[in-house]
Amino acid sequence: MDHGRSLVICPIWKNDGRPASNSIQRWRFKPTRQVCVWALFPRDLYHSSAMLLSVPSEILENIAFEADNRTLQQLRRTCKFLSDFATPLAFQSISIDLSWTRRQNSASLFLGSLTSGPKIGQYITHLSLHLPKKFRSNPSRFANAASIKKKEDKLDSLDSLFLEAIPYMISLRTLSWDSSGDSGPSYATLMFERLGNLPFLSDLEISNFGEWDIPCSPFHHIRNLTYYGLSSAHFTSLLSNNPNLESLDIYVWPSNPEEEQSISAPLSLLSPGALKTFRSKGPAYPELYTHEIPSIWHYFHHLEHVDTDTTLPDEFWDTLREREVHLASLSYLRDDIPRALLSYLLSYTGLRELSLHILASSTTDDLHIQRLLPSIIASHSWCLTTFRIEPLYSGEWCLDHPMLDALNLCSGLESLHVCANKARTQVKANNVIDRTLESLTKSWPNLLDLQINAVSQSFGFDAVRATASQIHKRILTFHFVNPPQVKSGLYLTSDFATYSIKLHDQKNNICAFKVQYLNYYGRKESWRKYKFWERINDD
């Protein structure tokens, strides 16, 4: 098949709801950037088996690849070819609720099919396990002993079937665990041991919002770890048993609020130079200390992606610059952004994503931003795809014309989040909001996510209401000739609303932005006006 075209298969229906016998064989090609197969089938797929068999196998394979999971389940019941081809696709991703509170009868059939018959356990590559807050509900006070015993035996049999099925999941690569209770099942240790022995399991995602200490230490050979939960002995063992992590994403809070540690604590358990992606948030590891940098810098030797709210000293950025560690993406949330960080970003090229979230109000020291930030944008303009500068207060971090001039050089920009203040949004001539919208239609052909928020010297709705309203008005009054590079999937967002493109003047192909739905400030302003007119009418 030509990978530059799209195949569309559309059966034609008779009045009685059955497809015309030859309708499935009518297809056409139309140019597109990627292969996209769209198939429409009758409600009763059993009657379309013969019709599907007349379609070339290559087309059937593309239909199966493009179908959603529900359609795949139906395709499996049409013919043997699609059953053999669609079954592995249909069971690649499985989600299981370990409380077995729903569909217990079908659950036993499904768990049995994991190990016998079709043995679909061998096709699972992504397994999601959910443990609700109330793992096993208490029996009703009206239930007798016999019914309680019968229910417990049923649940125990489902637990046993699941444990027996784990060794059959030989293709499993990603395991997601989600629990919110303060206790877990009695078989938890055995379950994690069996999951940890699976040969290809490399991605582990653990989310625990309860007090239960998950026995996750048996895992080995994990390459990508996401852990949201308590700092515990099991978490420490998990890191020790998987020293060759390439990606570490943690949001950890201490079991004891007084047990805060340096971020060097989890890093010291890893192999030097293995880590490429590092994301760390939460209260457990609030800071990296200056004296620790010489002993841990070699853990960052191949670092490419950083996303953190941990306080990093100037010496950290200086070391990255001296060791020529060039980040491809950086997301940093702090009270202020140090000059050392900006100097580091200016020392190389190749940054693809930059997100800075500034919590403190602007100071006179921020004046250097006016010189450094546009230079940073320009130096990475050839590859920058994501740029998000989001201060909490008005100041030098706000959108201005020098910043916008540099952003206009970023032709590959896909996501842009900026903030504007009152001084720059209410001027009539050379308005920075108008210029940003013009750049959207001329300079950024790949942009799908544009967010312009309002900020002020103080925080709250009343402080930014006028600025947010002004941005909203500028967006609604902006009209433009719809160029081919503006994608229909573009969404523009402000504090006031989320907007999409509409055709304003069909004859002249003039487009504008329309409100798709109101955001927080928009809803609050609408309610304020409603209450005002309600009082006027009452008078």
Protein backbone atom coordinates (compact mmCIF):
# COMPACT_ATOMS: atom_id res chain seq x y z
CA MET A 1 0.00 0.00 0.00
CA ASP A 2 1.17 3.51 -0.76
CA HIS A 3 1.96 5.08 2.63
CA GLY A 4 1.11 8.51 1.31
CA ARG A 5 -2.55 7.67 0.75
CA SER A 6 -5.60 6.82 2.79
CA LEU A 7 -8.00 3.94 2.25
CA VAL A 8 -11.66 4.47 3.06
CA ILE A 9 -14.05 1.49 3.10
CA CYS A 10 -17.72 2.38 3.35
CA PRO A 11 -20.39 -0.32 2.99
CA ILE A 12 -23.70 0.71 1.43
CA TRP A 13 -26.79 -0.33 3.38
CA LYS A 14 -30.09 -1.73 2.21
CA ASN A 15 -33.40 -0.59 3.69
CA ASP A 16 -33.55 -3.63 5.96
CA GLY A 17 -30.24 -2.76 7.57
CA ARG A 18 -28.16 -5.35 5.69
CA PRO A 19 -25.18 -4.28 3.59
CA ALA A 20 -25.26 -4.57 -0.17
CA SER A 21 -23.38 -7.70 -1.19
CA ASN A 22 -20.72 -5.91 -3.20
CA SER A 23 -20.54 -2.69 -1.22
CA ILE A 24 -17.48 -3.66 0.82
CA GLN A 25 -15.46 -4.01 -2.39
CA ARG A 26 -15.95 -0.38 -3.33
CA TRP A 27 -13.03 1.64 -2.07
CA ARG A 28 -11.29 4.79 -3.09
CA PHE A 29 -8.00 6.50 -2.31
CA LYS A 30 -7.46 10.10 -1.38
CA PRO A 31 -4.17 11.92 -0.63
CA THR A 32 -3.17 12.34 2.99
CA ARG A 33 0.00 12.59 5.07
CA GLN A 34 -0.35 9.18 6.67
CA VAL A 35 -2.15 5.90 6.24
CA CYS A 36 -5.57 5.99 7.87
CA VAL A 37 -8.08 3.19 7.33
CA TRP A 38 -11.67 3.94 8.27
CA ALA A 39 -14.12 1.05 8.16
CA LEU A 40 -17.86 1.14 8.72
CA PHE A 41 -19.51 -2.20 9.37
CA PRO A 42 -23.10 -3.36 9.87
CA ARG A 43 -24.44 -3.97 13.33
CA ASP A 44 -24.42 -7.72 12.85
CA LEU A 45 -20.86 -8.54 11.88
CA TYR A 46 -21.59 -12.26 11.59
CA HIS A 47 -23.45 -11.69 8.30
CA SER A 48 -20.51 -9.79 6.81
CA SER A 49 -18.02 -12.69 7.04
CA ALA A 50 -18.29 -13.69 3.40
CA MET A 51 -18.10 -10.09 2.33
CA LEU A 52 -14.96 -9.51 4.41
CA LEU A 53 -13.29 -12.60 2.98
CA SER A 54 -13.45 -10.99 -0.46
CA VAL A 55 -11.28 -8.12 0.78
CA PRO A 56 -7.49 -8.51 0.33
CA SER A 57 -5.71 -9.59 3.51
CA GLU A 58 -3.51 -6.48 3.44
CA ILE A 59 -6.62 -4.30 3.70
CA LEU A 60 -8.05 -6.44 6.50
CA GLU A 61 -4.81 -6.02 8.44
CA ASN A 62 -5.00 -2.24 8.09
CA ILE A 63 -8.64 -2.31 9.21
CA ALA A 64 -7.63 -4.20 12.35
CA PHE A 65 -4.71 -1.87 13.06
CA GLU A 66 -6.93 1.23 12.86
CA ALA A 67 -9.93 -0.17 14.76
CA ASP A 68 -10.64 0.66 18.39
CA ASN A 69 -10.79 -2.07 21.00
CA ARG A 70 -14.56 -2.53 20.82
CA THR A 71 -14.44 -2.95 17.04
CA LEU A 72 -11.56 -5.41 17.39
CA GLN A 73 -13.69 -7.56 19.70
CA GLN A 74 -16.39 -7.63 17.01
CA LEU A 75 -13.96 -8.29 14.17
CA ARG A 76 -12.68 -11.38 15.98
CA ARG A 77 -16.11 -12.97 15.51
CA THR A 78 -16.40 -12.44 11.75
CA CYS A 79 -13.92 -14.82 10.15
CA LYS A 80 -10.93 -16.97 11.09
CA PHE A 81 -8.41 -14.67 9.42
CA LEU A 82 -9.56 -11.65 11.40
CA SER A 83 -9.90 -13.75 14.53
CA ASP A 84 -6.27 -14.83 14.27
CA PHE A 85 -5.08 -11.35 13.34
CA ALA A 86 -7.25 -9.20 15.63
CA THR A 87 -7.01 -11.28 18.82
CA PRO A 88 -3.44 -10.19 19.72
CA LEU A 89 -4.39 -6.57 19.02
CA ALA A 90 -7.60 -6.74 21.05
CA PHE A 91 -5.86 -8.00 24.18
CA GLN A 92 -2.67 -5.94 24.12
CA SER A 93 -3.97 -3.64 26.86
CA ILE A 94 -6.01 -5.08 29.74
CA SER A 95 -7.43 -3.40 32.86
CA ILE A 96 -8.45 -5.49 35.90
CA ASP A 97 -10.27 -4.46 39.08
CA LEU A 98 -8.95 -6.78 41.77
CA SER A 99 -12.04 -6.35 43.94
CA TRP A 100 -14.02 -8.37 41.36
CA THR A 101 -17.12 -6.36 42.30
CA ARG A 102 -18.50 -6.29 38.76
CA ARG A 103 -19.29 -9.09 36.33
CA GLN A 104 -17.95 -11.91 38.46
CA ASN A 105 -19.29 -14.60 36.13
CA SER A 106 -17.65 -13.13 33.05
CA ALA A 107 -14.49 -12.47 35.07
CA SER A 108 -14.00 -16.18 35.70
CA LEU A 109 -14.42 -16.93 31.98
CA PHE A 110 -11.96 -14.21 31.04
CA LEU A 111 -9.36 -15.26 33.61
CA GLY A 112 -9.71 -18.86 32.45
CA SER A 113 -9.07 -17.84 28.84
CA LEU A 114 -5.77 -16.27 29.89
CA THR A 115 -4.28 -19.71 30.56
CA SER A 116 -6.35 -22.12 28.47
CA GLY A 117 -8.13 -22.20 25.12
CA PRO A 118 -6.92 -19.12 23.21
CA LYS A 119 -4.38 -18.39 25.99
CA ILE A 120 -4.80 -14.67 25.47
CA GLY A 121 -2.47 -13.96 28.38
CA GLN A 122 0.45 -14.28 25.97
CA TYR A 123 -0.75 -11.22 24.02
CA ILE A 124 -0.95 -8.78 26.95
CA THR A 125 1.72 -6.07 26.75
CA HIS A 126 0.12 -3.46 29.06
CA LEU A 127 -1.62 -4.56 32.26
CA SER A 128 -3.45 -2.09 34.52
CA LEU A 129 -4.39 -3.30 38.01
CA HIS A 130 -6.77 -1.28 40.17
CA LEU A 131 -7.30 -1.81 43.88
CA PRO A 132 -10.20 0.34 45.15
CA LYS A 133 -10.28 1.94 48.58
CA LYS A 134 -12.66 -0.70 49.88
CA PHE A 135 -10.92 -3.80 48.57
CA ARG A 136 -13.62 -6.17 49.79
CA SER A 137 -16.88 -4.72 51.06
CA ASN A 138 -18.30 -6.00 54.32
CA PRO A 139 -21.16 -8.49 53.97
CA SER A 140 -24.69 -7.30 54.48
CA ARG A 141 -26.06 -7.76 57.99
CA PHE A 142 -28.98 -9.64 56.42
CA ALA A 143 -26.72 -12.20 54.73
CA ASN A 144 -26.51 -15.65 56.26
CA ALA A 145 -23.32 -17.59 56.86
CA ALA A 146 -23.83 -19.83 53.83
CA SER A 147 -24.15 -16.96 51.34
CA ILE A 148 -21.14 -15.19 52.87
CA LYS A 149 -19.06 -18.36 52.57
CA LYS A 150 -20.19 -18.83 48.96
CA LYS A 151 -19.21 -15.28 48.05
CA GLU A 152 -15.82 -15.58 49.73
CA ASP A 153 -15.12 -18.85 47.90
CA LYS A 154 -16.05 -17.19 44.61
CA LEU A 155 -13.72 -14.26 45.22
CA ASP A 156 -10.91 -16.58 46.36
CA SER A 157 -11.29 -18.60 43.16
CA LEU A 158 -10.98 -15.43 41.06
CA ASP A 159 -7.86 -14.45 42.99
CA SER A 160 -6.38 -17.89 42.33
CA LEU A 161 -7.21 -17.73 38.61
CA PHE A 162 -5.51 -14.35 38.35
CA LEU A 163 -2.36 -15.54 40.16
CA GLU A 164 -2.23 -18.61 37.90
CA ALA A 165 -2.50 -16.40 34.81
CA ILE A 166 0.45 -14.12 35.62
CA PRO A 167 3.22 -16.50 34.38
CA TYR A 168 1.40 -16.75 31.03
CA MET A 169 1.79 -13.00 30.41
CA ILE A 170 5.13 -13.55 28.74
CA SER A 171 4.87 -10.45 26.51
CA LEU A 172 4.06 -8.00 29.31
CA ARG A 173 6.13 -4.83 29.05
CA THR A 174 4.18 -2.25 31.05
CA LEU A 175 2.50 -2.69 34.44
CA SER A 176 0.32 0.03 35.97
CA TRP A 177 -0.76 -0.29 39.60
CA ASP A 178 -3.35 2.04 41.15
CA SER A 179 -4.56 1.74 44.74
CA SER A 180 -6.19 4.10 47.21
CA GLY A 181 -6.85 1.95 50.26
CA ASP A 182 -4.95 1.49 53.49
CA SER A 183 -4.57 -2.27 53.04
CA GLY A 184 -4.00 -4.71 50.22
CA PRO A 185 -4.79 -8.31 49.34
CA SER A 186 -3.19 -11.12 51.29
CA TYR A 187 -1.56 -12.45 48.13
CA ALA A 188 0.11 -9.09 47.24
CA THR A 189 3.68 -10.27 47.85
CA LEU A 190 3.20 -13.42 45.75
CA MET A 191 1.52 -11.39 43.00
CA PHE A 192 4.38 -8.88 42.76
CA GLU A 193 6.97 -11.68 42.84
CA ARG A 194 5.34 -13.39 39.86
CA LEU A 195 4.97 -10.13 37.97
CA GLY A 196 8.59 -9.29 38.72
CA ASN A 197 9.73 -12.57 37.14
CA LEU A 198 8.19 -11.78 33.75
CA PRO A 199 11.07 -11.54 31.25
CA PHE A 200 10.15 -8.43 29.25
CA LEU A 201 8.61 -6.22 31.93
CA SER A 202 10.47 -2.91 31.68
CA ASP A 203 7.97 -0.14 32.49
CA LEU A 204 6.46 0.09 35.98
CA GLU A 205 3.88 2.66 37.08
CA ILE A 206 2.82 2.67 40.73
CA SER A 207 0.25 5.06 42.17
CA ASN A 208 -0.69 4.60 45.82
CA PHE A 209 -2.77 7.26 47.57
CA GLY A 210 -3.37 5.24 50.70
CA GLU A 211 -1.33 4.26 53.75
CA TRP A 212 -0.60 0.76 52.47
CA ASP A 213 3.10 0.08 51.98
CA ILE A 214 3.16 -1.70 48.62
CA PRO A 215 5.54 -4.71 48.57
CA CYS A 216 7.03 -3.68 45.22
CA SER A 217 10.66 -4.62 45.93
CA PRO A 218 10.64 -7.93 43.93
CA PHE A 219 10.83 -6.11 40.57
CA HIS A 220 14.06 -6.30 38.59
CA HIS A 221 15.22 -5.12 35.14
CA ILE A 222 12.88 -2.11 35.20
CA ARG A 223 14.02 0.63 32.81
CA ASN A 224 11.26 3.22 33.26
CA LEU A 225 9.76 3.80 36.71
CA THR A 226 6.86 6.05 37.70
CA TYR A 227 6.16 6.09 41.45
CA TYR A 228 3.52 8.19 43.22
CA GLY A 229 3.30 7.28 46.88
CA LEU A 230 4.95 7.17 50.28
CA SER A 231 8.68 7.02 50.79
CA SER A 232 9.25 3.60 52.32
CA ALA A 233 11.64 0.70 52.63
CA HIS A 234 9.95 -1.02 49.68
CA PHE A 235 10.44 2.06 47.51
CA THR A 236 14.12 2.20 48.47
CA SER A 237 14.52 -1.50 47.67
CA LEU A 238 12.76 -0.98 44.36
CA LEU A 239 15.37 1.60 43.35
CA SER A 240 18.24 -0.56 44.61
CA ASN A 241 17.02 -3.58 42.64
CA ASN A 242 16.71 -1.55 39.42
CA PRO A 243 19.89 0.56 39.26
CA ASN A 244 19.88 0.87 35.47
CA LEU A 245 16.79 3.04 35.28
CA GLU A 246 16.69 5.25 32.19
CA SER A 247 13.59 7.16 33.29
CA LEU A 248 12.62 8.03 36.87
CA ASP A 249 9.36 9.88 37.52
CA ILE A 250 8.56 10.24 41.23
CA TYR A 251 6.08 12.17 43.34
CA VAL A 252 6.89 11.10 46.87
CA TRP A 253 5.74 12.37 50.23
CA PRO A 254 7.44 11.24 53.45
CA SER A 255 5.66 8.89 55.82
CA ASN A 256 6.91 11.22 58.56
CA PRO A 257 6.79 14.97 57.72
CA GLU A 258 10.08 15.44 59.57
CA GLU A 259 11.91 12.94 57.35
CA GLU A 260 12.59 15.17 54.34
CA GLN A 261 15.71 14.15 52.42
CA SER A 262 17.91 15.55 49.70
CA ILE A 263 17.13 14.49 46.15
CA SER A 264 20.56 12.84 46.17
CA ALA A 265 19.10 10.05 48.35
CA PRO A 266 17.20 8.21 45.58
CA LEU A 267 19.78 9.13 42.92
CA SER A 268 22.63 7.51 44.86
CA LEU A 269 20.89 4.13 44.50
CA LEU A 270 21.17 4.19 40.70
CA SER A 271 24.01 3.35 38.35
CA PRO A 272 26.06 6.37 37.22
CA GLY A 273 25.25 7.59 33.71
CA ALA A 274 22.16 5.43 33.16
CA LEU A 275 19.50 8.06 33.85
CA LYS A 276 18.18 10.01 30.84
CA THR A 277 14.81 11.29 32.09
CA PHE A 278 14.36 12.64 35.61
CA ARG A 279 11.06 13.96 37.00
CA SER A 280 10.77 14.69 40.70
CA LYS A 281 8.01 16.52 42.57
CA GLY A 282 6.46 16.39 45.99
CA PRO A 283 7.59 17.20 49.53
CA ALA A 284 9.88 14.24 50.23
CA TYR A 285 12.93 15.57 48.34
CA PRO A 286 12.70 19.37 48.42
CA GLU A 287 16.32 20.32 47.73
CA LEU A 288 19.71 19.43 46.33
CA TYR A 289 22.56 20.79 48.44
CA THR A 290 25.63 22.43 46.95
CA HIS A 291 28.14 20.20 48.74
CA GLU A 292 26.49 17.08 47.23
CA ILE A 293 26.99 18.07 43.60
CA PRO A 294 30.58 16.76 43.16
CA SER A 295 29.54 13.32 44.37
CA ILE A 296 26.41 12.95 42.23
CA TRP A 297 27.12 14.86 39.01
CA HIS A 298 28.09 11.61 37.20
CA TYR A 299 24.50 10.39 37.63
CA PHE A 300 23.48 13.17 35.23
CA HIS A 301 26.12 12.48 32.60
CA HIS A 302 23.58 11.36 29.96
CA LEU A 303 20.64 13.38 31.24
CA GLU A 304 18.26 14.59 28.50
CA HIS A 305 14.96 15.48 30.20
CA VAL A 306 14.37 17.21 33.57
CA ASP A 307 11.02 18.09 35.16
CA THR A 308 11.21 19.10 38.81
CA ASP A 309 10.21 21.52 41.55
CA THR A 310 13.24 20.62 43.67
CA THR A 311 15.46 23.57 44.57
CA LEU A 312 18.64 23.24 42.51
CA PRO A 313 21.59 25.50 43.37
CA ASP A 314 23.51 27.58 40.82
CA GLU A 315 26.37 25.10 41.00
CA PHE A 316 24.12 22.42 39.49
CA TRP A 317 23.54 24.43 36.31
CA ASP A 318 27.19 25.48 36.21
CA THR A 319 28.23 21.82 36.39
CA LEU A 320 25.89 20.85 33.55
CA ARG A 321 27.40 23.61 31.45
CA GLU A 322 30.99 22.68 32.27
CA ARG A 323 30.38 18.97 31.64
CA GLU A 324 28.52 19.79 28.40
CA VAL A 325 25.33 18.00 29.42
CA HIS A 326 22.78 19.39 26.97
CA LEU A 327 19.15 18.95 28.01
CA ALA A 328 16.56 18.38 25.30
CA SER A 329 13.67 19.36 27.59
CA LEU A 330 13.43 21.25 30.86
CA SER A 331 10.45 21.97 33.10
CA TYR A 332 11.23 23.86 36.30
CA LEU A 333 8.90 25.24 38.98
CA ARG A 334 10.43 27.55 41.58
CA ASP A 335 9.93 30.89 43.32
CA ASP A 336 12.46 32.49 41.01
CA ILE A 337 14.64 31.44 38.09
CA PRO A 338 18.38 31.94 38.73
CA ARG A 339 20.70 33.67 36.30
CA ALA A 340 22.86 30.51 36.26
CA LEU A 341 20.00 28.54 34.69
CA LEU A 342 19.51 31.10 31.92
CA SER A 343 23.25 31.22 31.28
CA TYR A 344 23.29 27.43 31.00
CA LEU A 345 20.45 27.45 28.45
CA LEU A 346 22.36 30.03 26.43
CA SER A 347 25.51 27.89 26.36
CA TYR A 348 24.29 25.33 23.81
CA THR A 349 21.69 24.64 21.12
CA GLY A 350 19.24 21.76 20.74
CA LEU A 351 16.63 22.45 23.43
CA ARG A 352 13.23 21.21 22.23
CA GLU A 353 10.98 21.90 25.24
CA LEU A 354 11.20 24.65 27.85
CA SER A 355 8.66 25.19 30.64
CA LEU A 356 9.35 27.66 33.45
CA HIS A 357 6.82 28.28 36.23
CA ILE A 358 7.71 31.27 38.44
CA LEU A 359 5.88 31.58 41.75
CA ALA A 360 7.40 34.73 43.27
CA SER A 361 6.64 38.32 42.29
CA SER A 362 9.06 40.09 39.98
CA THR A 363 12.14 41.84 41.38
CA THR A 364 14.64 44.32 39.98
CA ASP A 365 17.04 41.42 39.44
CA ASP A 366 14.67 40.09 36.76
CA LEU A 367 15.75 42.86 34.38
CA HIS A 368 18.41 40.55 32.94
CA ILE A 369 15.55 38.39 31.63
CA GLN A 370 14.77 41.06 29.04
CA ARG A 371 18.18 40.43 27.50
CA LEU A 372 18.71 36.71 28.09
CA LEU A 373 15.30 35.16 27.40
CA PRO A 374 14.91 36.32 23.75
CA SER A 375 18.49 35.23 23.10
CA ILE A 376 17.76 31.78 24.54
CA ILE A 377 14.67 31.42 22.35
CA ALA A 378 16.56 32.51 19.24
CA SER A 379 19.48 30.14 19.86
CA HIS A 380 17.14 27.13 20.08
CA SER A 381 14.60 28.35 17.51
CA TRP A 382 15.49 25.71 14.92
CA CYS A 383 14.29 22.85 17.16
CA LEU A 384 12.06 24.41 19.84
CA THR A 385 8.60 22.75 19.85
CA THR A 386 7.28 23.60 23.34
CA PHE A 387 7.69 26.96 25.06
CA ARG A 388 5.84 27.71 28.30
CA ILE A 389 6.69 30.70 30.48
CA GLU A 390 4.05 30.99 33.20
CA PRO A 391 4.72 33.52 35.99
CA LEU A 392 2.22 33.82 38.81
CA TYR A 393 2.63 37.60 38.94
CA SER A 394 3.20 40.39 36.47
CA GLY A 395 6.78 41.32 35.62
CA GLU A 396 9.61 40.78 33.18
CA TRP A 397 8.51 37.21 32.49
CA CYS A 398 5.36 38.43 30.75
CA LEU A 399 4.89 38.35 27.00
CA ASP A 400 6.43 41.35 25.28
CA HIS A 401 7.55 42.29 21.77
CA PRO A 402 11.21 41.14 22.08
CA MET A 403 10.02 37.73 23.30
CA LEU A 404 7.50 37.54 20.47
CA ASP A 405 10.12 38.54 17.89
CA ALA A 406 12.25 35.60 19.02
CA LEU A 407 9.28 33.21 19.07
CA ASN A 408 8.49 34.11 15.46
CA LEU A 409 11.75 32.37 14.53
CA CYS A 410 10.44 29.06 15.95
CA SER A 411 8.68 27.63 12.90
CA GLY A 412 8.34 24.18 14.51
CA LEU A 413 6.47 25.41 17.58
CA GLU A 414 3.67 23.03 18.66
CA SER A 415 2.75 24.30 22.14
CA LEU A 416 2.98 27.88 23.44
CA HIS A 417 1.90 29.09 26.90
CA VAL A 418 2.53 32.74 27.82
CA CYS A 419 1.17 35.31 30.25
CA ALA A 420 0.29 38.95 29.60
CA ASN A 421 -0.20 41.87 31.96
CA LYS A 422 -2.40 44.95 31.83
CA ALA A 423 0.24 47.31 30.44
CA ARG A 424 0.78 45.21 27.32
CA THR A 425 -2.79 44.15 26.57
CA GLN A 426 -4.66 47.46 26.75
CA VAL A 427 -2.55 49.48 24.30
CA LYS A 428 -4.35 50.06 21.00
CA ALA A 429 -1.38 50.27 18.63
CA ASN A 430 1.04 47.37 18.24
CA ASN A 431 -0.82 45.26 20.77
CA VAL A 432 1.11 42.17 21.80
CA ILE A 433 -2.03 39.97 21.81
CA ASP A 434 -2.89 41.01 18.25
CA ARG A 435 0.68 40.29 17.15
CA THR A 436 0.58 36.85 18.78
CA LEU A 437 -2.61 35.96 16.92
CA GLU A 438 -1.10 37.19 13.66
CA SER A 439 1.96 35.01 14.27
CA LEU A 440 -0.37 32.07 14.80
CA THR A 441 -1.56 32.39 11.20
CA LYS A 442 1.83 33.16 9.65
CA SER A 443 4.77 31.82 11.66
CA TRP A 444 3.65 28.65 13.47
CA PRO A 445 2.16 26.10 11.04
CA ASN A 446 2.39 23.22 13.54
CA LEU A 447 0.94 24.99 16.58
CA LEU A 448 -2.02 23.16 18.13
CA ASP A 449 -1.89 24.47 21.70
CA LEU A 450 -1.84 28.22 22.39
CA GLN A 451 -2.57 29.53 25.88
CA ILE A 452 -2.57 33.21 26.86
CA ASN A 453 -3.30 33.90 30.53
CA ALA A 454 -3.57 37.14 32.48
CA VAL A 455 -1.38 38.09 35.45
CA SER A 456 -1.13 41.06 37.78
CA GLN A 457 1.00 42.33 40.65
CA SER A 458 -1.54 40.80 43.03
CA PHE A 459 -3.28 37.45 42.89
CA GLY A 460 -6.97 36.66 42.43
CA PHE A 461 -9.96 37.21 40.18
CA ASP A 462 -10.46 40.91 40.89
CA ALA A 463 -6.79 41.66 40.21
CA VAL A 464 -6.73 40.15 36.71
CA ARG A 465 -10.40 40.47 35.71
CA ALA A 466 -9.85 43.50 33.46
CA THR A 467 -6.78 42.00 31.78
CA ALA A 468 -8.44 38.62 31.23
CA SER A 469 -11.49 40.35 29.77
CA GLN A 470 -9.28 42.43 27.46
CA ILE A 471 -7.48 39.33 26.16
CA HIS A 472 -10.86 37.69 25.60
CA LYS A 473 -12.11 40.65 23.57
CA ARG A 474 -8.94 40.78 21.46
CA ILE A 475 -9.30 37.11 20.60
CA LEU A 476 -12.96 37.41 19.60
CA THR A 477 -12.39 40.47 17.38
CA PHE A 478 -9.41 38.97 15.55
CA HIS A 479 -10.34 37.97 11.98
CA PHE A 480 -8.01 36.38 9.47
CA VAL A 481 -7.98 34.73 6.07
CA ASN A 482 -7.78 31.04 6.79
CA PRO A 483 -4.37 29.91 5.49
CA PRO A 484 -3.81 26.20 4.79
CA GLN A 485 -1.17 25.92 7.52
CA VAL A 486 -3.64 26.65 10.35
CA LYS A 487 -4.89 23.26 11.52
CA SER A 488 -8.53 22.66 12.33
CA GLY A 489 -7.49 20.93 15.57
CA LEU A 490 -6.01 24.13 17.01
CA TYR A 491 -7.31 25.19 20.42
CA LEU A 492 -6.67 28.63 21.87
CA THR A 493 -7.10 29.01 25.63
CA SER A 494 -7.25 31.96 27.99
CA ASP A 495 -8.34 32.41 31.60
CA PHE A 496 -11.70 33.41 30.22
CA ALA A 497 -12.51 30.68 27.69
CA THR A 498 -11.34 28.03 25.26
CA TYR A 499 -11.79 28.88 21.59
CA SER A 500 -11.84 27.05 18.29
CA ILE A 501 -11.72 28.32 14.71
CA LYS A 502 -14.96 29.08 12.89
CA LEU A 503 -15.67 30.32 9.36
CA HIS A 504 -16.85 33.91 9.80
CA ASP A 505 -17.26 34.94 6.15
CA GLN A 506 -17.57 32.01 3.76
CA LYS A 507 -17.48 34.15 0.62
CA ASN A 508 -14.13 35.72 1.47
CA ASN A 509 -12.81 32.74 3.49
CA ILE A 510 -12.52 34.88 6.62
CA CYS A 511 -12.17 33.00 9.91
CA ALA A 512 -12.49 33.98 13.55
CA PHE A 513 -12.36 32.37 16.97
CA LYS A 514 -15.53 31.24 18.73
CA VAL A 515 -16.00 30.31 22.37
CA GLN A 516 -16.17 26.56 22.76
CA TYR A 517 -16.63 26.68 26.53
CA LEU A 518 -16.00 29.12 29.36
CA ASN A 519 -13.13 28.60 31.79
CA TYR A 520 -13.01 29.61 35.45
CA TYR A 521 -12.76 33.39 35.01
CA GLY A 522 -15.29 33.36 32.19
CA ARG A 523 -17.83 31.47 34.28
CA LYS A 524 -17.19 33.75 37.24
CA GLU A 525 -17.57 36.90 35.14
CA SER A 526 -20.80 35.58 33.59
CA TRP A 527 -22.19 34.85 37.06
CA ARG A 528 -21.18 38.31 38.26
CA LYS A 529 -23.02 39.96 35.35
CA TYR A 530 -26.01 37.71 35.85
CA LYS A 531 -26.28 38.70 39.53
CA PHE A 532 -25.91 42.38 38.58
CA TRP A 533 -28.79 42.27 36.08
CA GLU A 534 -30.84 40.21 38.52
CA ARG A 535 -30.51 43.00 41.10
CA ILE A 536 -31.41 45.63 38.48
CA ASN A 537 -34.54 43.72 37.49
CA ASP A 538 -35.57 43.25 41.12
CA ASP A 539 -35.37 47.01 41.64
